[in-house]
C-alpha atoms as a PDB file:
ATOM      1  CA  ILE A   1     -41.256 -43.396  43.087  1.00  0.00           C
ATOM      2  CA  VAL A   2     -41.225 -43.738  39.304  1.00  0.00           C
ATOM      3  CA  VAL A   3     -40.438 -47.157  37.802  1.00  0.00           C
ATOM      4  CA  ALA A   4     -40.873 -46.518  34.200  1.00  0.00           C
ATOM      5  CA  SER A   5     -41.466 -43.807  31.381  1.00  0.00           C
ATOM      6  CA  TYR A   6     -43.035 -43.941  28.099  1.00  0.00           C
ATOM      7  CA  SER A   7     -44.059 -41.446  25.382  1.00  0.00           C
ATOM      8  CA  VAL A   8     -47.219 -39.709  26.068  1.00  0.00           C
ATOM      9  CA  GLY A   9     -50.156 -41.893  25.229  1.00  0.00           C
ATOM     10  CA  ASN A  10     -48.111 -45.038  24.563  1.00  0.00           C
ATOM     11  CA  ARG A  11     -50.406 -47.945  24.991  1.00  0.00           C
ATOM     12  CA  TYR A  12     -47.728 -50.095  26.540  1.00  0.00           C
ATOM     13  CA  GLY A  13     -47.380 -47.711  29.387  1.00  0.00           C
ATOM     14  CA  LYS A  14     -51.187 -47.950  30.035  1.00  0.00           C
ATOM     15  CA  LEU A  15     -51.031 -51.713  29.967  1.00  0.00           C
ATOM     16  CA  TYR A  16     -48.018 -51.790  32.313  1.00  0.00           C
ATOM     17  CA  LEU A  17     -49.940 -49.566  34.615  1.00  0.00           C
ATOM     18  CA  GLU A  18     -52.684 -52.045  34.849  1.00  0.00           C
ATOM     19  CA  ASP A  19     -50.068 -54.720  35.705  1.00  0.00           C
ATOM     20  CA  LEU A  20     -48.585 -52.445  38.417  1.00  0.00           C
ATOM     21  CA  LYS A  21     -51.935 -51.681  40.032  1.00  0.00           C
ATOM     22  CA  ALA A  22     -52.414 -55.472  40.709  1.00  0.00           C
ATOM     23  CA  GLU A  23     -49.507 -55.261  43.133  1.00  0.00           C
ATOM     24  CA  TYR A  24     -49.315 -51.565  43.907  1.00  0.00           C
ATOM     25  CA  PRO A  25     -52.870 -50.240  44.227  1.00  0.00           C
ATOM     26  CA  ASN A  26     -51.706 -46.736  44.533  1.00  0.00           C
ATOM     27  CA  ALA A  27     -49.681 -46.875  41.206  1.00  0.00           C
ATOM     28  CA  GLY A  28     -50.485 -44.186  38.655  1.00  0.00           C
ATOM     29  CA  LEU A  29     -49.346 -42.184  35.735  1.00  0.00           C
ATOM     30  CA  PHE A  30     -48.163 -38.647  35.665  1.00  0.00           C
ATOM     31  CA  THR A  31     -47.792 -36.802  32.317  1.00  0.00           C
ATOM     32  CA  SER A  32     -45.029 -34.355  31.767  1.00  0.00           C
ATOM     33  CA  GLN A  33     -46.200 -32.059  28.891  1.00  0.00           C
ATOM     34  CA  LYS A  34     -42.797 -30.287  28.809  1.00  0.00           C
ATOM     35  CA  ARG A  35     -40.935 -33.637  28.206  1.00  0.00           C
ATOM     36  CA  GLN A  36     -43.810 -35.476  26.462  1.00  0.00           C
ATOM     37  CA  LEU A  37     -43.436 -38.442  28.732  1.00  0.00           C
ATOM     38  CA  ASP A  38     -45.812 -40.380  30.928  1.00  0.00           C
ATOM     39  CA  TYR A  39     -44.153 -41.486  34.165  1.00  0.00           C
ATOM     40  CA  LEU A  40     -45.475 -44.659  35.842  1.00  0.00           C
ATOM     41  CA  TYR A  41     -45.120 -44.556  39.682  1.00  0.00           C
ATOM     42  CA  ILE A  42     -45.873 -46.913  42.294  1.00  0.00           C
ATOM     43  CA  GLU A  43     -45.977 -44.485  45.177  1.00  0.00           C
ATOM     44  CA  SER A  44     -46.246 -40.781  45.933  1.00  0.00           C
ATOM     45  CA  LEU A  45     -44.829 -39.105  48.964  1.00  0.00           C
ATOM     46  CA  ASN A  46     -44.671 -35.396  49.952  1.00  0.00           C
ATOM     47  CA  ASP A  47     -41.445 -35.793  52.077  1.00  0.00           C
ATOM     48  CA  PHE A  48     -38.222 -35.803  50.153  1.00  0.00           C
ATOM     49  CA  ASP A  49     -36.202 -37.698  52.664  1.00  0.00           C
ATOM     50  CA  LYS A  50     -38.770 -40.314  53.107  1.00  0.00           C
ATOM     51  CA  ALA A  51     -39.094 -40.684  49.295  1.00  0.00           C
ATOM     52  CA  ILE A  52     -35.375 -41.290  48.986  1.00  0.00           C
ATOM     53  CA  ALA A  53     -35.370 -43.817  51.770  1.00  0.00           C
ATOM     54  CA  ARG A  54     -38.416 -45.570  50.238  1.00  0.00           C
ATOM     55  CA  MET A  55     -36.732 -45.511  46.736  1.00  0.00           C
ATOM     56  CA  LYS A  56     -33.660 -47.209  48.254  1.00  0.00           C
ATOM     57  CA  GLU A  57     -35.878 -49.846  49.888  1.00  0.00           C
ATOM     58  CA  ILE A  58     -37.630 -50.406  46.596  1.00  0.00           C
ATOM     59  CA  ARG A  59     -34.316 -50.719  44.669  1.00  0.00           C
ATOM     60  CA  ASN A  60     -33.093 -53.250  47.127  1.00  0.00           C
ATOM     61  CA  ASN A  61     -36.090 -55.317  47.671  1.00  0.00           C
ATOM     62  CA  THR A  62     -38.030 -55.345  44.322  1.00  0.00           C
ATOM     63  CA  GLN A  63     -37.475 -55.724  40.512  1.00  0.00           C
ATOM     64  CA  PHE A  64     -37.421 -52.008  40.239  1.00  0.00           C
ATOM     65  CA  LYS A  65     -33.559 -51.689  40.487  1.00  0.00           C
ATOM     66  CA  ASN A  66     -33.504 -48.247  38.547  1.00  0.00           C
ATOM     67  CA  SER A  67     -36.507 -46.538  40.120  1.00  0.00           C
ATOM     68  CA  TRP A  68     -36.078 -43.006  40.892  1.00  0.00           C
ATOM     69  CA  VAL A  69     -37.620 -40.124  42.718  1.00  0.00           C
ATOM     70  CA  HIS A  70     -39.224 -37.543  40.442  1.00  0.00           C
ATOM     71  CA  ILE A  71     -39.843 -34.149  41.894  1.00  0.00           C
ATOM     72  CA  VAL A  72     -43.163 -32.622  40.577  1.00  0.00           C
ATOM     73  CA  ARG A  73     -43.566 -28.789  41.069  1.00  0.00           C
ATOM     74  CA  LEU A  74     -47.375 -28.175  41.148  1.00  0.00           C
ATOM     75  CA  SER A  75     -47.058 -24.471  41.396  1.00  0.00           C
ATOM     76  CA  ARG A  76     -44.473 -21.721  40.869  1.00  0.00           C
END
């Protein structure tokens, strides 16, 4: 569940990640070389339907009203 994106290596993204980890210990950063963006996520799920349901829950119950599910293809 992605909650923010920054240009690759942006120091504000890294600072924000540290803030996120205080409340969401599993928060992390995923870099898209293709798009040259760092995506900050608060959860990672392998089941699409569960990810959508969790995203809706997060949108309704947290400050992350614009969070989204980002699908990452690890192999082709």
